[in-house]
Amino acid sequence: MRDEPRRFPSTLGGLVYLLVVAASAVGLLVIAFGPWRRGVDLIGAALLVGALMRIALPESNAGMLRVRRSRWTDALMLGGVGTALIVLATVIPNQPG
């Protein structure tokens, strides 16, 4: 029998995880070469999408989004950091110069 090569990612959660990482990388590039607030907002939004998908996906399909045993702990951590980034990028005043 021939073993078929494994497809990556093998779950929808793994795909969402890779999309969150890709969006965060784009956000870092925006921070480095463009308006930093927009980049931080992009990273925060990506983490919020990851949190929502962690809640929505069943345990068997969560893939790499599943870090801890509790879905709610994962979602709370992702959502908390994403919200904090967006709030901080919004409330930090512009600096002169």
PDB file of N, CA and C in Angstrom:
ATOM      1  N   MET A   1       0.819  -1.185   0.000  1.00  0.00           N
ATOM      2  CA  MET A   1       0.000   0.000   0.000  1.00  0.00           C
ATOM      3  C   MET A   1       0.862   1.247   0.000  1.00  0.00           C
ATOM      4  N   ARG A   2       0.370   2.212  -0.688  1.00  0.00           N
ATOM      5  CA  ARG A   2       1.091   3.467  -0.774  1.00  0.00           C
ATOM      6  C   ARG A   2       0.520   4.468   0.219  1.00  0.00           C
ATOM      7  N   ASP A   3       1.388   5.027   1.057  1.00  0.00           N
ATOM      8  CA  ASP A   3       0.938   6.070   1.976  1.00  0.00           C
ATOM      9  C   ASP A   3       0.829   7.383   1.226  1.00  0.00           C
ATOM     10  N   GLU A   4      -0.336   7.985   1.359  1.00  0.00           N
ATOM     11  CA  GLU A   4      -0.505   9.281   0.727  1.00  0.00           C
ATOM     12  C   GLU A   4       0.128  10.346   1.597  1.00  0.00           C
ATOM     13  N   PRO A   5       0.742  11.337   0.979  1.00  0.00           N
ATOM     14  CA  PRO A   5       1.345  12.395   1.791  1.00  0.00           C
ATOM     15  C   PRO A   5       0.283  13.149   2.582  1.00  0.00           C
ATOM     16  N   ARG A   6       0.655  13.533   3.774  1.00  0.00           N
ATOM     17  CA  ARG A   6      -0.288  14.232   4.637  1.00  0.00           C
ATOM     18  C   ARG A   6      -0.481  15.660   4.141  1.00  0.00           C
ATOM     19  N   ARG A   7      -1.744  16.074   4.142  1.00  0.00           N
ATOM     20  CA  ARG A   7      -2.048  17.443   3.755  1.00  0.00           C
ATOM     21  C   ARG A   7      -1.922  18.339   4.972  1.00  0.00           C
ATOM     22  N   PHE A   8      -1.302  19.468   4.811  1.00  0.00           N
ATOM     23  CA  PHE A   8      -1.147  20.415   5.911  1.00  0.00           C
ATOM     24  C   PHE A   8      -1.913  21.668   5.592  1.00  0.00           C
ATOM     25  N   PRO A   9      -2.624  22.246   6.469  1.00  0.00           N
ATOM     26  CA  PRO A   9      -3.039  21.727   7.760  1.00  0.00           C
ATOM     27  C   PRO A   9      -4.144  20.698   7.595  1.00  0.00           C
ATOM     28  N   SER A  10      -4.245  19.801   8.541  1.00  0.00           N
ATOM     29  CA  SER A  10      -5.209  18.712   8.424  1.00  0.00           C
ATOM     30  C   SER A  10      -6.555  19.035   9.054  1.00  0.00           C
ATOM     31  N   THR A  11      -6.673  20.168   9.743  1.00  0.00           N
ATOM     32  CA  THR A  11      -7.951  20.573  10.333  1.00  0.00           C
ATOM     33  C   THR A  11      -8.237  22.023   9.969  1.00  0.00           C
ATOM     34  N   LEU A  12      -9.491  22.407  10.102  1.00  0.00           N
ATOM     35  CA  LEU A  12      -9.871  23.790   9.844  1.00  0.00           C
ATOM     36  C   LEU A  12      -9.213  24.723  10.857  1.00  0.00           C
ATOM     37  N   GLY A  13      -9.080  24.273  12.100  1.00  0.00           N
ATOM     38  CA  GLY A  13      -8.407  25.067  13.122  1.00  0.00           C
ATOM     39  C   GLY A  13      -6.953  25.334  12.769  1.00  0.00           C
ATOM     40  N   GLY A  14      -6.302  24.373  12.167  1.00  0.00           N
ATOM     41  CA  GLY A  14      -4.927  24.572  11.720  1.00  0.00           C
ATOM     42  C   GLY A  14      -4.837  25.628  10.635  1.00  0.00           C
ATOM     43  N   LEU A  15      -5.804  25.629   9.734  1.00  0.00           N
ATOM     44  CA  LEU A  15      -5.843  26.643   8.683  1.00  0.00           C
ATOM     45  C   LEU A  15      -6.084  28.022   9.281  1.00  0.00           C
ATOM     46  N   VAL A  16      -7.009  28.113  10.221  1.00  0.00           N
ATOM     47  CA  VAL A  16      -7.282  29.396  10.884  1.00  0.00           C
ATOM     48  C   VAL A  16      -6.037  29.868  11.620  1.00  0.00           C
ATOM     49  N   TYR A  17      -5.353  28.972  12.285  1.00  0.00           N
ATOM     50  CA  TYR A  17      -4.117  29.317  12.987  1.00  0.00           C
ATOM     51  C   TYR A  17      -3.098  29.917  12.021  1.00  0.00           C
ATOM     52  N   LEU A  18      -2.914  29.279  10.873  1.00  0.00           N
ATOM     53  CA  LEU A  18      -1.962  29.794   9.894  1.00  0.00           C
ATOM     54  C   LEU A  18      -2.397  31.155   9.359  1.00  0.00           C
ATOM     55  N   LEU A  19      -3.692  31.360   9.193  1.00  0.00           N
ATOM     56  CA  LEU A  19      -4.186  32.668   8.749  1.00  0.00           C
ATOM     57  C   LEU A  19      -3.944  33.742   9.811  1.00  0.00           C
ATOM     58  N   VAL A  20      -4.114  33.392  11.081  1.00  0.00           N
ATOM     59  CA  VAL A  20      -3.830  34.340  12.169  1.00  0.00           C
ATOM     60  C   VAL A  20      -2.348  34.692  12.183  1.00  0.00           C
ATOM     61  N   VAL A  21      -1.490  33.708  12.013  1.00  0.00           N
ATOM     62  CA  VAL A  21      -0.048  33.959  11.989  1.00  0.00           C
ATOM     63  C   VAL A  21       0.318  34.818  10.782  1.00  0.00           C
ATOM     64  N   ALA A  22      -0.271  34.532   9.622  1.00  0.00           N
ATOM     65  CA  ALA A  22       0.016  35.324   8.416  1.00  0.00           C
ATOM     66  C   ALA A  22      -0.451  36.763   8.580  1.00  0.00           C
ATOM     67  N   ALA A  23      -1.652  36.956   9.125  1.00  0.00           N
ATOM     68  CA  ALA A  23      -2.148  38.313   9.346  1.00  0.00           C
ATOM     69  C   ALA A  23      -1.281  39.053  10.361  1.00  0.00           C
ATOM     70  N   SER A  24      -0.790  38.357  11.366  1.00  0.00           N
ATOM     71  CA  SER A  24       0.098  38.983  12.345  1.00  0.00           C
ATOM     72  C   SER A  24       1.428  39.377  11.708  1.00  0.00           C
ATOM     73  N   ALA A  25       1.932  38.553  10.799  1.00  0.00           N
ATOM     74  CA  ALA A  25       3.172  38.888  10.098  1.00  0.00           C
ATOM     75  C   ALA A  25       2.972  40.122   9.216  1.00  0.00           C
ATOM     76  N   VAL A  26       1.838  40.191   8.537  1.00  0.00           N
ATOM     77  CA  VAL A  26       1.531  41.374   7.731  1.00  0.00           C
ATOM     78  C   VAL A  26       1.415  42.594   8.642  1.00  0.00           C
ATOM     79  N   GLY A  27       0.785  42.432   9.801  1.00  0.00           N
ATOM     80  CA  GLY A  27       0.682  43.524  10.760  1.00  0.00           C
ATOM     81  C   GLY A  27       2.049  44.015  11.214  1.00  0.00           C
ATOM     82  N   LEU A  28       2.970  43.095  11.443  1.00  0.00           N
ATOM     83  CA  LEU A  28       4.331  43.489  11.827  1.00  0.00           C
ATOM     84  C   LEU A  28       5.025  44.260  10.713  1.00  0.00           C
ATOM     85  N   LEU A  29       4.793  43.854   9.470  1.00  0.00           N
ATOM     86  CA  LEU A  29       5.360  44.599   8.340  1.00  0.00           C
ATOM     87  C   LEU A  29       4.764  45.999   8.246  1.00  0.00           C
ATOM     88  N   VAL A  30       3.468  46.107   8.476  1.00  0.00           N
ATOM     89  CA  VAL A  30       2.828  47.416   8.457  1.00  0.00           C
ATOM     90  C   VAL A  30       3.399  48.285   9.581  1.00  0.00           C
ATOM     91  N   ILE A  31       3.609  47.709  10.746  1.00  0.00           N
ATOM     92  CA  ILE A  31       4.197  48.456  11.860  1.00  0.00           C
ATOM     93  C   ILE A  31       5.589  48.953  11.484  1.00  0.00           C
ATOM     94  N   ALA A  32       6.366  48.112  10.833  1.00  0.00           N
ATOM     95  CA  ALA A  32       7.744  48.467  10.502  1.00  0.00           C
ATOM     96  C   ALA A  32       7.839  49.513   9.396  1.00  0.00           C
ATOM     97  N   PHE A  33       6.929  49.460   8.421  1.00  0.00           N
ATOM     98  CA  PHE A  33       7.087  50.308   7.244  1.00  0.00           C
ATOM     99  C   PHE A  33       5.929  51.261   6.990  1.00  0.00           C
ATOM    100  N   GLY A  34       4.950  51.304   7.876  1.00  0.00           N
ATOM    101  CA  GLY A  34       3.789  52.151   7.628  1.00  0.00           C
ATOM    102  C   GLY A  34       3.225  52.699   8.918  1.00  0.00           C
ATOM    103  N   PRO A  35       1.937  52.995   8.902  1.00  0.00           N
ATOM    104  CA  PRO A  35       1.301  53.517  10.116  1.00  0.00           C
ATOM    105  C   PRO A  35       1.172  52.421  11.179  1.00  0.00           C
ATOM    106  N   TRP A  36       1.868  52.606  12.289  1.00  0.00           N
ATOM    107  CA  TRP A  36       1.977  51.538  13.282  1.00  0.00           C
ATOM    108  C   TRP A  36       0.637  51.178  13.896  1.00  0.00           C
ATOM    109  N   ARG A  37      -0.253  52.165  14.056  1.00  0.00           N
ATOM    110  CA  ARG A  37      -1.558  51.865  14.662  1.00  0.00           C
ATOM    111  C   ARG A  37      -2.362  50.882  13.808  1.00  0.00           C
ATOM    112  N   ARG A  38      -2.294  51.059  12.526  1.00  0.00           N
ATOM    113  CA  ARG A  38      -3.011  50.155  11.625  1.00  0.00           C
ATOM    114  C   ARG A  38      -2.458  48.737  11.732  1.00  0.00           C
ATOM    115  N   GLY A  39      -1.148  48.612  11.864  1.00  0.00           N
ATOM    116  CA  GLY A  39      -0.536  47.295  12.018  1.00  0.00           C
ATOM    117  C   GLY A  39      -0.929  46.618  13.319  1.00  0.00           C
ATOM    118  N   VAL A  40      -0.942  47.389  14.407  1.00  0.00           N
ATOM    119  CA  VAL A  40      -1.341  46.829  15.698  1.00  0.00           C
ATOM    120  C   VAL A  40      -2.818  46.438  15.659  1.00  0.00           C
ATOM    121  N   ASP A  41      -3.640  47.257  15.019  1.00  0.00           N
ATOM    122  CA  ASP A  41      -5.057  46.909  14.865  1.00  0.00           C
ATOM    123  C   ASP A  41      -5.231  45.612  14.072  1.00  0.00           C
ATOM    124  N   LEU A  42      -4.421  45.426  13.054  1.00  0.00           N
ATOM    125  CA  LEU A  42      -4.501  44.205  12.244  1.00  0.00           C
ATOM    126  C   LEU A  42      -4.140  42.975  13.079  1.00  0.00           C
ATOM    127  N   ILE A  43      -3.104  43.075  13.883  1.00  0.00           N
ATOM    128  CA  ILE A  43      -2.725  41.955  14.745  1.00  0.00           C
ATOM    129  C   ILE A  43      -3.835  41.674  15.757  1.00  0.00           C
ATOM    130  N   GLY A  44      -4.383  42.720  16.364  1.00  0.00           N
ATOM    131  CA  GLY A  44      -5.479  42.549  17.323  1.00  0.00           C
ATOM    132  C   GLY A  44      -6.702  41.910  16.686  1.00  0.00           C
ATOM    133  N   ALA A  45      -7.039  42.347  15.481  1.00  0.00           N
ATOM    134  CA  ALA A  45      -8.197  41.772  14.782  1.00  0.00           C
ATOM    135  C   ALA A  45      -7.954  40.296  14.450  1.00  0.00           C
ATOM    136  N   ALA A  46      -6.732  39.962  14.053  1.00  0.00           N
ATOM    137  CA  ALA A  46      -6.408  38.561  13.756  1.00  0.00           C
ATOM    138  C   ALA A  46      -6.575  37.696  14.996  1.00  0.00           C
ATOM    139  N   LEU A  47      -6.139  38.204  16.152  1.00  0.00           N
ATOM    140  CA  LEU A  47      -6.292  37.441  17.391  1.00  0.00           C
ATOM    141  C   LEU A  47      -7.763  37.302  17.780  1.00  0.00           C
ATOM    142  N   LEU A  48      -8.563  38.333  17.536  1.00  0.00           N
ATOM    143  CA  LEU A  48      -9.996  38.229  17.821  1.00  0.00           C
ATOM    144  C   LEU A  48     -10.669  37.196  16.920  1.00  0.00           C
ATOM    145  N   VAL A  49     -10.271  37.141  15.665  1.00  0.00           N
ATOM    146  CA  VAL A  49     -10.817  36.113  14.759  1.00  0.00           C
ATOM    147  C   VAL A  49     -10.422  34.726  15.260  1.00  0.00           C
ATOM    148  N   GLY A  50      -9.179  34.585  15.699  1.00  0.00           N
ATOM    149  CA  GLY A  50      -8.741  33.307  16.263  1.00  0.00           C
ATOM    150  C   GLY A  50      -9.553  32.915  17.485  1.00  0.00           C
ATOM    151  N   ALA A  51      -9.870  33.890  18.337  1.00  0.00           N
ATOM    152  CA  ALA A  51     -10.679  33.612  19.533  1.00  0.00           C
ATOM    153  C   ALA A  51     -12.084  33.171  19.143  1.00  0.00           C
ATOM    154  N   LEU A  52     -12.683  33.862  18.192  1.00  0.00           N
ATOM    155  CA  LEU A  52     -14.040  33.488  17.763  1.00  0.00           C
ATOM    156  C   LEU A  52     -14.068  32.099  17.124  1.00  0.00           C
ATOM    157  N   MET A  53     -13.053  31.799  16.345  1.00  0.00           N
ATOM    158  CA  MET A  53     -13.004  30.480  15.714  1.00  0.00           C
ATOM    159  C   MET A  53     -12.721  29.387  16.742  1.00  0.00           C
ATOM    160  N   ARG A  54     -11.959  29.704  17.768  1.00  0.00           N
ATOM    161  CA  ARG A  54     -11.710  28.704  18.829  1.00  0.00           C
ATOM    162  C   ARG A  54     -13.000  28.354  19.547  1.00  0.00           C
ATOM    163  N   ILE A  55     -13.878  29.343  19.728  1.00  0.00           N
ATOM    164  CA  ILE A  55     -15.175  29.076  20.347  1.00  0.00           C
ATOM    165  C   ILE A  55     -16.073  28.293  19.392  1.00  0.00           C
ATOM    166  N   ALA A  56     -16.044  28.647  18.119  1.00  0.00           N
ATOM    167  CA  ALA A  56     -16.976  28.075  17.151  1.00  0.00           C
ATOM    168  C   ALA A  56     -16.620  26.646  16.741  1.00  0.00           C
ATOM    169  N   LEU A  57     -15.341  26.325  16.674  1.00  0.00           N
ATOM    170  CA  LEU A  57     -14.930  25.012  16.176  1.00  0.00           C
ATOM    171  C   LEU A  57     -15.034  23.952  17.266  1.00  0.00           C
ATOM    172  N   PRO A  58     -15.453  22.748  16.906  1.00  0.00           N
ATOM    173  CA  PRO A  58     -15.461  21.655  17.886  1.00  0.00           C
ATOM    174  C   PRO A  58     -14.026  21.251  18.253  1.00  0.00           C
ATOM    175  N   GLU A  59     -13.887  20.615  19.404  1.00  0.00           N
ATOM    176  CA  GLU A  59     -12.560  20.225  19.896  1.00  0.00           C
ATOM    177  C   GLU A  59     -11.795  19.384  18.872  1.00  0.00           C
ATOM    178  N   SER A  60     -12.491  18.499  18.184  1.00  0.00           N
ATOM    179  CA  SER A  60     -11.825  17.600  17.245  1.00  0.00           C
ATOM    180  C   SER A  60     -11.303  18.324  16.010  1.00  0.00           C
ATOM    181  N   ASN A  61     -11.795  19.533  15.750  1.00  0.00           N
ATOM    182  CA  ASN A  61     -11.410  20.264  14.552  1.00  0.00           C
ATOM    183  C   ASN A  61     -10.659  21.550  14.878  1.00  0.00           C
ATOM    184  N   ALA A  62     -10.316  21.771  16.150  1.00  0.00           N
ATOM    185  CA  ALA A  62      -9.679  23.024  16.543  1.00  0.00           C
ATOM    186  C   ALA A  62      -8.218  23.097  16.120  1.00  0.00           C
ATOM    187  N   GLY A  63      -7.582  21.969  15.924  1.00  0.00           N
ATOM    188  CA  GLY A  63      -6.207  21.951  15.440  1.00  0.00           C
ATOM    189  C   GLY A  63      -5.264  22.712  16.342  1.00  0.00           C
ATOM    190  N   MET A  64      -4.443  23.564  15.737  1.00  0.00           N
ATOM    191  CA  MET A  64      -3.419  24.285  16.483  1.00  0.00           C
ATOM    192  C   MET A  64      -3.984  25.450  17.297  1.00  0.00           C
ATOM    193  N   LEU A  65      -5.246  25.773  17.127  1.00  0.00           N
ATOM    194  CA  LEU A  65      -5.876  26.771  17.992  1.00  0.00           C
ATOM    195  C   LEU A  65      -6.081  26.216  19.402  1.00  0.00           C
ATOM    196  N   ARG A  66      -6.093  24.906  19.521  1.00  0.00           N
ATOM    197  CA  ARG A  66      -6.310  24.262  20.818  1.00  0.00           C
ATOM    198  C   ARG A  66      -4.976  24.163  21.546  1.00  0.00           C
ATOM    199  N   VAL A  67      -4.791  25.046  22.525  1.00  0.00           N
ATOM    200  CA  VAL A  67      -3.546  25.061  23.297  1.00  0.00           C
ATOM    201  C   VAL A  67      -3.778  24.452  24.665  1.00  0.00           C
ATOM    202  N   ARG A  68      -4.887  24.822  25.288  1.00  0.00           N
ATOM    203  CA  ARG A  68      -5.217  24.327  26.620  1.00  0.00           C
ATOM    204  C   ARG A  68      -6.420  23.395  26.521  1.00  0.00           C
ATOM    205  N   ARG A  69      -6.740  22.745  27.614  1.00  0.00           N
ATOM    206  CA  ARG A  69      -7.882  21.825  27.603  1.00  0.00           C
ATOM    207  C   ARG A  69      -9.204  22.554  27.480  1.00  0.00           C
ATOM    208  N   SER A  70      -9.256  23.773  27.973  1.00  0.00           N
ATOM    209  CA  SER A  70     -10.508  24.515  27.982  1.00  0.00           C
ATOM    210  C   SER A  70     -10.590  25.455  26.782  1.00  0.00           C
ATOM    211  N   ARG A  71     -11.633  25.310  26.021  1.00  0.00           N
ATOM    212  CA  ARG A  71     -11.860  26.171  24.871  1.00  0.00           C
ATOM    213  C   ARG A  71     -12.034  27.615  25.317  1.00  0.00           C
ATOM    214  N   TRP A  72     -12.684  27.805  26.464  1.00  0.00           N
ATOM    215  CA  TRP A  72     -12.962  29.160  26.940  1.00  0.00           C
ATOM    216  C   TRP A  72     -11.690  29.860  27.426  1.00  0.00           C
ATOM    217  N   THR A  73     -10.751  29.124  27.980  1.00  0.00           N
ATOM    218  CA  THR A  73      -9.486  29.723  28.385  1.00  0.00           C
ATOM    219  C   THR A  73      -8.707  30.186  27.160  1.00  0.00           C
ATOM    220  N   ASP A  74      -8.651  29.341  26.140  1.00  0.00           N
ATOM    221  CA  ASP A  74      -7.986  29.734  24.892  1.00  0.00           C
ATOM    222  C   ASP A  74      -8.629  30.979  24.301  1.00  0.00           C
ATOM    223  N   ALA A  75      -9.946  30.983  24.233  1.00  0.00           N
ATOM    224  CA  ALA A  75     -10.660  32.116  23.631  1.00  0.00           C
ATOM    225  C   ALA A  75     -10.483  33.378  24.466  1.00  0.00           C
ATOM    226  N   LEU A  76     -10.494  33.232  25.787  1.00  0.00           N
ATOM    227  CA  LEU A  76     -10.318  34.388  26.659  1.00  0.00           C
ATOM    228  C   LEU A  76      -8.926  34.986  26.489  1.00  0.00           C
ATOM    229  N   MET A  77      -7.916  34.153  26.404  1.00  0.00           N
ATOM    230  CA  MET A  77      -6.550  34.656  26.223  1.00  0.00           C
ATOM    231  C   MET A  77      -6.389  35.355  24.874  1.00  0.00           C
ATOM    232  N   LEU A  78      -6.819  34.709  23.804  1.00  0.00           N
ATOM    233  CA  LEU A  78      -6.709  35.316  22.476  1.00  0.00           C
ATOM    234  C   LEU A  78      -7.522  36.607  22.390  1.00  0.00           C
ATOM    235  N   GLY A  79      -8.759  36.543  22.871  1.00  0.00           N
ATOM    236  CA  GLY A  79      -9.622  37.714  22.818  1.00  0.00           C
ATOM    237  C   GLY A  79      -9.133  38.842  23.695  1.00  0.00           C
ATOM    238  N   GLY A  80      -8.603  38.513  24.865  1.00  0.00           N
ATOM    239  CA  GLY A  80      -8.092  39.539  25.766  1.00  0.00           C
ATOM    240  C   GLY A  80      -6.895  40.274  25.193  1.00  0.00           C
ATOM    241  N   VAL A  81      -5.951  39.526  24.629  1.00  0.00           N
ATOM    242  CA  VAL A  81      -4.772  40.158  24.038  1.00  0.00           C
ATOM    243  C   VAL A  81      -5.160  40.958  22.794  1.00  0.00           C
ATOM    244  N   GLY A  82      -6.046  40.401  21.961  1.00  0.00           N
ATOM    245  CA  GLY A  82      -6.491  41.127  20.774  1.00  0.00           C
ATOM    246  C   GLY A  82      -7.198  42.423  21.128  1.00  0.00           C
ATOM    247  N   THR A  83      -8.081  42.370  22.110  1.00  0.00           N
ATOM    248  CA  THR A  83      -8.793  43.568  22.548  1.00  0.00           C
ATOM    249  C   THR A  83      -7.827  44.583  23.155  1.00  0.00           C
ATOM    250  N   ALA A  84      -6.892  44.109  23.978  1.00  0.00           N
ATOM    251  CA  ALA A  84      -5.925  45.012  24.594  1.00  0.00           C
ATOM    252  C   ALA A  84      -5.077  45.729  23.539  1.00  0.00           C
ATOM    253  N   LEU A  85      -4.659  45.019  22.510  1.00  0.00           N
ATOM    254  CA  LEU A  85      -3.867  45.657  21.455  1.00  0.00           C
ATOM    255  C   LEU A  85      -4.661  46.740  20.738  1.00  0.00           C
ATOM    256  N   ILE A  86      -5.900  46.441  20.417  1.00  0.00           N
ATOM    257  CA  ILE A  86      -6.724  47.427  19.709  1.00  0.00           C
ATOM    258  C   ILE A  86      -6.989  48.645  20.590  1.00  0.00           C
ATOM    259  N   VAL A  87      -7.308  48.408  21.847  1.00  0.00           N
ATOM    260  CA  VAL A  87      -7.576  49.515  22.766  1.00  0.00           C
ATOM    261  C   VAL A  87      -6.331  50.366  22.973  1.00  0.00           C
ATOM    262  N   LEU A  88      -5.199  49.737  23.191  1.00  0.00           N
ATOM    263  CA  LEU A  88      -3.968  50.494  23.404  1.00  0.00           C
ATOM    264  C   LEU A  88      -3.559  51.293  22.165  1.00  0.00           C
ATOM    265  N   ALA A  89      -3.721  50.708  20.990  1.00  0.00           N
ATOM    266  CA  ALA A  89      -3.387  51.449  19.770  1.00  0.00           C
ATOM    267  C   ALA A  89      -4.312  52.637  19.581  1.00  0.00           C
ATOM    268  N   THR A  90      -5.509  52.538  20.103  1.00  0.00           N
ATOM    269  CA  THR A  90      -6.479  53.628  19.956  1.00  0.00           C
ATOM    270  C   THR A  90      -6.242  54.748  20.960  1.00  0.00           C
ATOM    271  N   VAL A  91      -5.893  54.409  22.186  1.00  0.00           N
ATOM    272  CA  VAL A  91      -5.826  55.432  23.251  1.00  0.00           C
ATOM    273  C   VAL A  91      -4.444  56.069  23.415  1.00  0.00           C
ATOM    274  N   ILE A  92      -3.381  55.494  22.833  1.00  0.00           N
ATOM    275  CA  ILE A  92      -2.063  56.125  22.948  1.00  0.00           C
ATOM    276  C   ILE A  92      -2.070  57.404  22.136  1.00  0.00           C
ATOM    277  N   PRO A  93      -1.741  58.532  22.755  1.00  0.00           N
ATOM    278  CA  PRO A  93      -1.770  59.798  22.025  1.00  0.00           C
ATOM    279  C   PRO A  93      -0.625  59.901  21.018  1.00  0.00           C
ATOM    280  N   ASN A  94      -0.832  60.695  19.993  1.00  0.00           N
ATOM    281  CA  ASN A  94       0.215  60.944  19.011  1.00  0.00           C
ATOM    282  C   ASN A  94       1.365  61.710  19.667  1.00  0.00           C
ATOM    283  N   GLN A  95       2.565  61.337  19.307  1.00  0.00           N
ATOM    284  CA  GLN A  95       3.750  62.003  19.860  1.00  0.00           C
ATOM    285  C   GLN A  95       4.255  63.042  18.853  1.00  0.00           C
ATOM    286  N   PRO A  96       4.682  64.194  19.333  1.00  0.00           N
ATOM    287  CA  PRO A  96       5.218  65.196  18.399  1.00  0.00           C
ATOM    288  C   PRO A  96       6.530  64.717  17.802  1.00  0.00           C
ATOM    289  N   GLY A  97       6.733  65.074  16.554  1.00  0.00           N
ATOM    290  CA  GLY A  97       8.008  64.775  15.896  1.00  0.00           C
ATOM    291  C   GLY A  97       7.938  63.543  15.153  1.00  0.00           C
TER     292      GLY A  97
END
